[in-house]
Amino acid sequence: TMRTALRTATPMAGSLMIASIQWVLYTILVFTTGALSSINAAGLAWFAVAGILTPGLFMAFFYIGVQRIGAARAATIKSAAPVYAVICATLFLGERPSVLQFFGIASVVAGVLTIVSQSGSGTRPEANPADADPRSAERPRTPVKTSRGRKFDIIFPLLAGVCTGLAAVLYKFGFARLNSPLLAAWVGATEALLILPLIALLFPKPDRYRIGARRAWLWVILAGLATAGAIYCRVLSIALGDVSIVFTLIQTSPLFVVIISAVFLREMERVTRQVVFGAVLTVAGGIVVSVF
């Protein structure tokens, strides 16, 4: 949904709209369920630190990556996150991944490297959503269309993976002091509303808050609803299970993204065999880690 919206919308506009939708939904739930009655300063502090990374910085980095290299590639590259999560969980939470889990992590890394090796070629014209918009000829072009720019663009989903991987461990610390996934999601959405406008100042004015076509609003709203559900399920699963297992299982999402992109986004991005192979490696690694 966001890949479609980003044909005429900017990543910062989409991120801010999604954060707003999340905040409204979570705020309603927080006040109707009485979740605030259990709040304490120690847990809130951990949630605040984690929220800066996810969803705040994560959304900005990930949607910039989706716009520049496509949904299928960005989703798979972002899935290097389990590597960071497992390392942090081992160092700081005392979790002990098995040998098979490390093989699964290696498979995830191999899948990401497969995608990166193609994304760096700079041969995908679909990487820029403005090209899919017939009105884009009237807009100023940015330097990201060059081969060098495309090689650099993979850093955005990689940074998104770093943010969400580290945040998973921080949330786990928070749940040890305040076991409320709903409050964790609400704090993160609140911080995203504060952080994203500041990040937007780093971009030229035309790249900040443009939505463009009216139909883009519908896609952004759908993305916001889906993301709100996804983030709550993620923090809930982290609260209930080991970070090294639960978080890697979450990263099987590239398989679904690749399938949906191949069916519905054929006009905007090309899903090659290399992309499919990279996604399969990533998903297979996630299954190994979650099962064993």
Protein backbone atom coordinates (compact mmCIF):
# COMPACT_ATOMS: atom_id res chain seq x y z
CA THR A 1 0.00 0.00 0.00
CA MET A 2 2.79 2.44 0.79
CA ARG A 3 4.64 1.60 -2.42
CA THR A 4 1.51 2.60 -4.34
CA ALA A 5 1.05 5.77 -2.30
CA LEU A 6 4.68 6.76 -2.82
CA ARG A 7 4.08 7.23 -6.54
CA THR A 8 2.84 10.72 -5.69
CA ALA A 9 3.54 11.07 -1.96
CA THR A 10 6.87 11.66 -0.22
CA PRO A 11 8.18 9.18 2.39
CA MET A 12 8.05 11.81 5.14
CA ALA A 13 4.44 12.69 4.40
CA GLY A 14 3.48 9.03 4.39
CA SER A 15 5.41 8.32 7.59
CA LEU A 16 3.81 11.23 9.43
CA MET A 17 0.32 10.23 8.31
CA ILE A 18 0.90 6.62 9.39
CA ALA A 19 2.24 7.76 12.77
CA SER A 20 -0.85 9.95 13.22
CA ILE A 21 -3.20 7.05 12.49
CA GLN A 22 -1.31 4.84 14.93
CA TRP A 23 -1.41 7.49 17.64
CA VAL A 24 -5.17 8.02 17.30
CA LEU A 25 -5.91 4.28 17.46
CA TYR A 26 -3.54 3.60 20.36
CA THR A 27 -4.74 6.66 22.31
CA ILE A 28 -8.35 5.48 22.08
CA LEU A 29 -7.35 2.02 23.31
CA VAL A 30 -5.10 3.36 26.09
CA PHE A 31 -7.87 5.49 27.59
CA THR A 32 -10.70 3.00 27.07
CA THR A 33 -8.82 0.06 28.58
CA GLY A 34 -7.38 1.93 31.56
CA ALA A 35 -3.81 1.04 30.58
CA LEU A 36 -2.50 4.30 32.07
CA SER A 37 -3.30 3.07 35.58
CA SER A 38 -0.34 0.68 35.46
CA ILE A 39 2.23 3.18 34.20
CA ASN A 40 5.56 3.63 35.99
CA ALA A 41 8.61 5.77 35.28
CA ALA A 42 11.14 2.95 34.79
CA GLY A 43 9.13 1.10 32.14
CA LEU A 44 8.12 4.35 30.46
CA ALA A 45 11.76 5.37 30.14
CA TRP A 46 12.70 2.14 28.33
CA PHE A 47 9.68 2.46 26.02
CA ALA A 48 10.68 6.06 25.26
CA VAL A 49 14.20 5.07 24.20
CA ALA A 50 12.91 2.16 22.11
CA GLY A 51 10.21 4.33 20.54
CA ILE A 52 12.79 6.72 19.14
CA LEU A 53 14.19 3.82 17.11
CA THR A 54 10.89 2.09 16.32
CA PRO A 55 8.56 3.33 15.02
CA GLY A 56 10.18 6.79 14.82
CA LEU A 57 13.43 6.40 12.88
CA PHE A 58 12.41 3.00 11.50
CA MET A 59 9.47 4.37 9.53
CA ALA A 60 11.48 7.21 8.04
CA PHE A 61 14.34 4.97 6.92
CA PHE A 62 12.16 2.11 5.69
CA TYR A 63 9.74 4.16 3.60
CA ILE A 64 12.59 6.10 2.01
CA GLY A 65 14.02 2.70 1.06
CA VAL A 66 10.65 1.54 -0.30
CA GLN A 67 10.42 4.64 -2.46
CA ARG A 68 13.95 4.37 -3.85
CA ILE A 69 14.57 0.65 -4.37
CA GLY A 70 11.08 -0.86 -4.21
CA ALA A 71 8.99 -2.68 -1.61
CA ALA A 72 10.28 -6.20 -2.28
CA ARG A 73 13.96 -5.24 -2.05
CA ALA A 74 13.59 -2.87 0.89
CA ALA A 75 11.58 -5.41 2.90
CA THR A 76 14.19 -8.12 2.35
CA ILE A 77 17.20 -5.90 3.14
CA LYS A 78 15.46 -4.63 6.25
CA SER A 79 15.24 -8.24 7.39
CA ALA A 80 18.88 -8.18 8.46
CA ALA A 81 17.34 -6.93 11.72
CA PRO A 82 17.37 -10.37 13.42
CA VAL A 83 21.15 -10.32 13.29
CA TYR A 84 21.26 -7.19 15.44
CA ALA A 85 18.42 -8.40 17.66
CA VAL A 86 19.99 -11.79 18.35
CA ILE A 87 23.41 -10.28 19.07
CA CYS A 88 21.91 -7.78 21.52
CA ALA A 89 19.64 -10.41 23.09
CA THR A 90 22.67 -12.67 23.64
CA LEU A 91 24.83 -9.89 25.09
CA PHE A 92 22.28 -8.07 27.23
CA LEU A 93 19.37 -10.44 27.91
CA GLY A 94 21.29 -13.65 28.49
CA GLU A 95 19.44 -15.52 25.74
CA ARG A 96 21.39 -18.41 24.20
CA PRO A 97 20.54 -19.11 20.56
CA SER A 98 21.22 -22.67 19.39
CA VAL A 99 23.63 -23.69 16.64
CA LEU A 100 20.73 -24.16 14.22
CA GLN A 101 19.49 -20.68 15.03
CA PHE A 102 22.86 -19.28 14.03
CA PHE A 103 22.57 -21.19 10.74
CA GLY A 104 19.19 -19.53 10.30
CA ILE A 105 20.73 -16.12 10.90
CA ALA A 106 23.41 -16.92 8.31
CA SER A 107 20.65 -17.72 5.82
CA VAL A 108 18.99 -14.38 6.57
CA VAL A 109 22.27 -12.58 5.93
CA ALA A 110 22.81 -14.51 2.68
CA GLY A 111 19.37 -13.52 1.48
CA VAL A 112 20.02 -9.87 2.21
CA LEU A 113 23.38 -9.97 0.44
CA THR A 114 21.68 -11.53 -2.60
CA ILE A 115 19.30 -8.58 -2.81
CA VAL A 116 22.03 -6.03 -2.14
CA SER A 117 24.21 -7.39 -4.95
CA GLN A 118 21.45 -6.61 -7.43
CA SER A 119 20.22 -3.37 -5.91
CA GLY A 120 23.65 -1.83 -6.24
CA SER A 121 23.73 -2.25 -10.01
CA GLY A 122 21.68 0.88 -10.62
CA THR A 123 19.82 -0.72 -13.53
CA ARG A 124 16.30 -0.60 -12.10
CA PRO A 125 14.40 2.40 -13.43
CA GLU A 126 11.44 1.37 -11.28
CA ALA A 127 13.38 2.36 -8.17
CA ASN A 128 12.09 5.91 -8.45
CA PRO A 129 8.32 6.15 -7.93
CA ALA A 130 8.20 9.55 -9.60
CA ASP A 131 8.87 7.80 -12.91
CA ALA A 132 5.56 6.01 -12.55
CA ASP A 133 3.69 9.30 -12.20
CA PRO A 134 2.91 10.97 -15.55
CA ARG A 135 3.05 14.37 -13.88
CA SER A 136 6.59 13.78 -12.63
CA ALA A 137 8.07 15.54 -15.66
CA GLU A 138 6.99 18.83 -14.09
CA ARG A 139 8.81 18.09 -10.85
CA PRO A 140 12.49 18.69 -10.12
CA ARG A 141 14.50 15.49 -10.21
CA THR A 142 16.77 14.45 -7.37
CA PRO A 143 20.22 12.87 -7.67
CA VAL A 144 19.02 9.44 -6.50
CA LYS A 145 18.55 8.23 -10.07
CA THR A 146 22.23 7.75 -10.69
CA SER A 147 23.96 4.41 -10.28
CA ARG A 148 25.95 5.72 -7.33
CA GLY A 149 22.75 7.01 -5.73
CA ARG A 150 21.07 3.63 -6.04
CA LYS A 151 24.04 1.86 -4.48
CA PHE A 152 23.77 4.22 -1.53
CA ASP A 153 19.99 3.78 -1.25
CA ILE A 154 20.33 0.32 0.30
CA ILE A 155 21.58 2.01 3.46
CA PHE A 156 18.03 3.16 4.30
CA PRO A 157 16.42 -0.29 4.76
CA LEU A 158 19.62 -1.48 6.46
CA LEU A 159 19.32 1.35 8.97
CA ALA A 160 15.65 0.48 9.41
CA GLY A 161 16.73 -3.05 10.31
CA VAL A 162 19.26 -1.75 12.83
CA CYS A 163 16.61 0.45 14.46
CA THR A 164 13.99 -2.25 14.82
CA GLY A 165 16.54 -4.87 15.94
CA LEU A 166 17.92 -2.70 18.73
CA ALA A 167 14.44 -1.50 19.71
CA ALA A 168 13.30 -5.10 20.22
CA VAL A 169 15.87 -5.56 22.98
CA LEU A 170 15.05 -2.21 24.58
CA TYR A 171 11.35 -3.08 24.62
CA LYS A 172 12.23 -6.34 26.38
CA PHE A 173 13.96 -4.37 29.14
CA GLY A 174 10.87 -2.18 29.39
CA PHE A 175 8.48 -5.13 29.67
CA ALA A 176 10.47 -6.41 32.65
CA ARG A 177 9.37 -3.24 34.46
CA LEU A 178 6.04 -2.45 32.81
CA ASN A 179 4.28 -5.34 31.10
CA SER A 180 2.00 -3.37 28.79
CA PRO A 181 2.52 -3.77 25.02
CA LEU A 182 -0.28 -1.26 24.41
CA LEU A 183 1.52 1.46 26.35
CA ALA A 184 4.75 0.59 24.54
CA ALA A 185 3.06 1.02 21.16
CA TRP A 186 1.39 4.26 22.28
CA VAL A 187 4.63 5.80 23.54
CA GLY A 188 6.36 4.89 20.27
CA ALA A 189 3.61 6.44 18.15
CA THR A 190 3.67 9.61 20.27
CA GLU A 191 7.43 9.95 19.81
CA ALA A 192 7.14 9.32 16.08
CA LEU A 193 4.84 12.34 15.80
CA LEU A 194 7.53 14.44 17.46
CA ILE A 195 10.56 12.98 15.67
CA LEU A 196 9.37 12.77 12.07
CA PRO A 197 8.81 16.54 11.60
CA LEU A 198 12.39 17.10 12.80
CA ILE A 199 13.73 14.50 10.36
CA ALA A 200 11.75 16.17 7.59
CA LEU A 201 13.78 19.35 8.08
CA LEU A 202 16.78 17.47 6.66
CA PHE A 203 15.04 17.21 3.27
CA PRO A 204 14.31 19.95 0.70
CA LYS A 205 10.82 21.41 1.06
CA PRO A 206 9.41 19.60 -2.03
CA ASP A 207 10.44 16.28 -0.47
CA ARG A 208 8.73 16.80 2.87
CA TYR A 209 4.95 16.77 3.03
CA ARG A 210 3.62 16.20 -0.48
CA ILE A 211 0.80 13.68 -0.87
CA GLY A 212 -0.08 14.46 -4.50
CA ALA A 213 -2.99 12.53 -6.01
CA ARG A 214 -6.14 12.15 -3.91
CA ARG A 215 -6.10 8.38 -4.26
CA ALA A 216 -2.74 8.35 -2.48
CA TRP A 217 -4.58 9.32 0.71
CA LEU A 218 -6.54 6.07 0.61
CA TRP A 219 -3.36 4.01 0.27
CA VAL A 220 -1.66 5.90 3.10
CA ILE A 221 -4.67 5.37 5.38
CA LEU A 222 -4.71 1.65 4.59
CA ALA A 223 -0.97 1.50 5.28
CA GLY A 224 -1.51 3.29 8.59
CA LEU A 225 -4.16 0.82 9.74
CA ALA A 226 -2.03 -2.16 8.71
CA THR A 227 1.08 -0.73 10.37
CA ALA A 228 -0.78 0.03 13.60
CA GLY A 229 -1.85 -3.61 13.84
CA ALA A 230 1.61 -4.84 12.88
CA ILE A 231 3.47 -2.76 15.46
CA TYR A 232 1.14 -3.78 18.28
CA CYS A 233 1.48 -7.46 17.35
CA ARG A 234 5.25 -7.04 17.24
CA VAL A 235 5.60 -5.48 20.69
CA LEU A 236 3.13 -8.03 22.11
CA SER A 237 5.14 -10.94 20.69
CA ILE A 238 8.36 -9.47 22.09
CA ALA A 239 6.70 -9.24 25.51
CA LEU A 240 5.61 -12.89 25.36
CA GLY A 241 8.66 -14.64 23.89
CA ASP A 242 12.42 -14.65 23.39
CA VAL A 243 13.62 -11.81 21.20
CA SER A 244 15.96 -14.06 19.21
CA ILE A 245 13.10 -16.38 18.19
CA VAL A 246 10.05 -14.14 17.98
CA PHE A 247 11.76 -11.28 16.21
CA THR A 248 13.32 -13.43 13.52
CA LEU A 249 9.97 -15.06 12.79
CA ILE A 250 8.50 -11.60 12.21
CA GLN A 251 11.07 -11.05 9.49
CA THR A 252 9.49 -13.70 7.27
CA SER A 253 7.41 -10.82 5.91
CA PRO A 254 9.60 -10.35 2.77
CA LEU A 255 8.12 -13.53 1.29
CA PHE A 256 4.64 -12.01 1.45
CA VAL A 257 5.91 -8.67 0.17
CA VAL A 258 7.60 -10.34 -2.81
CA ILE A 259 4.44 -12.28 -3.71
CA ILE A 260 2.18 -9.24 -3.39
CA SER A 261 4.65 -7.05 -5.31
CA ALA A 262 4.86 -9.56 -8.16
CA VAL A 263 1.07 -9.62 -8.47
CA PHE A 264 0.03 -6.02 -7.81
CA LEU A 265 3.12 -3.83 -8.36
CA ARG A 266 4.33 -5.10 -11.72
CA GLU A 267 4.08 -1.64 -13.28
CA MET A 268 6.21 -0.05 -10.56
CA GLU A 269 8.91 -2.58 -9.77
CA ARG A 270 10.38 -5.72 -11.28
CA VAL A 271 10.56 -8.79 -9.06
CA THR A 272 13.44 -10.84 -10.50
CA ARG A 273 14.54 -14.38 -9.72
CA GLN A 274 17.37 -12.94 -7.68
CA VAL A 275 14.92 -11.03 -5.51
CA VAL A 276 12.78 -14.13 -5.03
CA PHE A 277 15.84 -16.23 -4.16
CA GLY A 278 17.01 -13.65 -1.62
CA ALA A 279 13.56 -13.55 -0.03
CA VAL A 280 13.40 -17.36 0.17
CA LEU A 281 16.81 -17.48 1.90
CA THR A 282 15.65 -14.85 4.36
CA VAL A 283 12.37 -16.62 5.12
CA ALA A 284 14.07 -20.03 5.41
CA GLY A 285 16.47 -18.57 7.95
CA GLY A 286 13.56 -17.12 9.91
CA ILE A 287 11.80 -20.50 10.00
CA VAL A 288 14.95 -22.29 11.21
CA VAL A 289 15.45 -19.75 13.99
CA SER A 290 11.80 -19.84 15.10
CA VAL A 291 11.43 -23.63 15.07
CA PHE A 292 14.76 -24.64 16.60
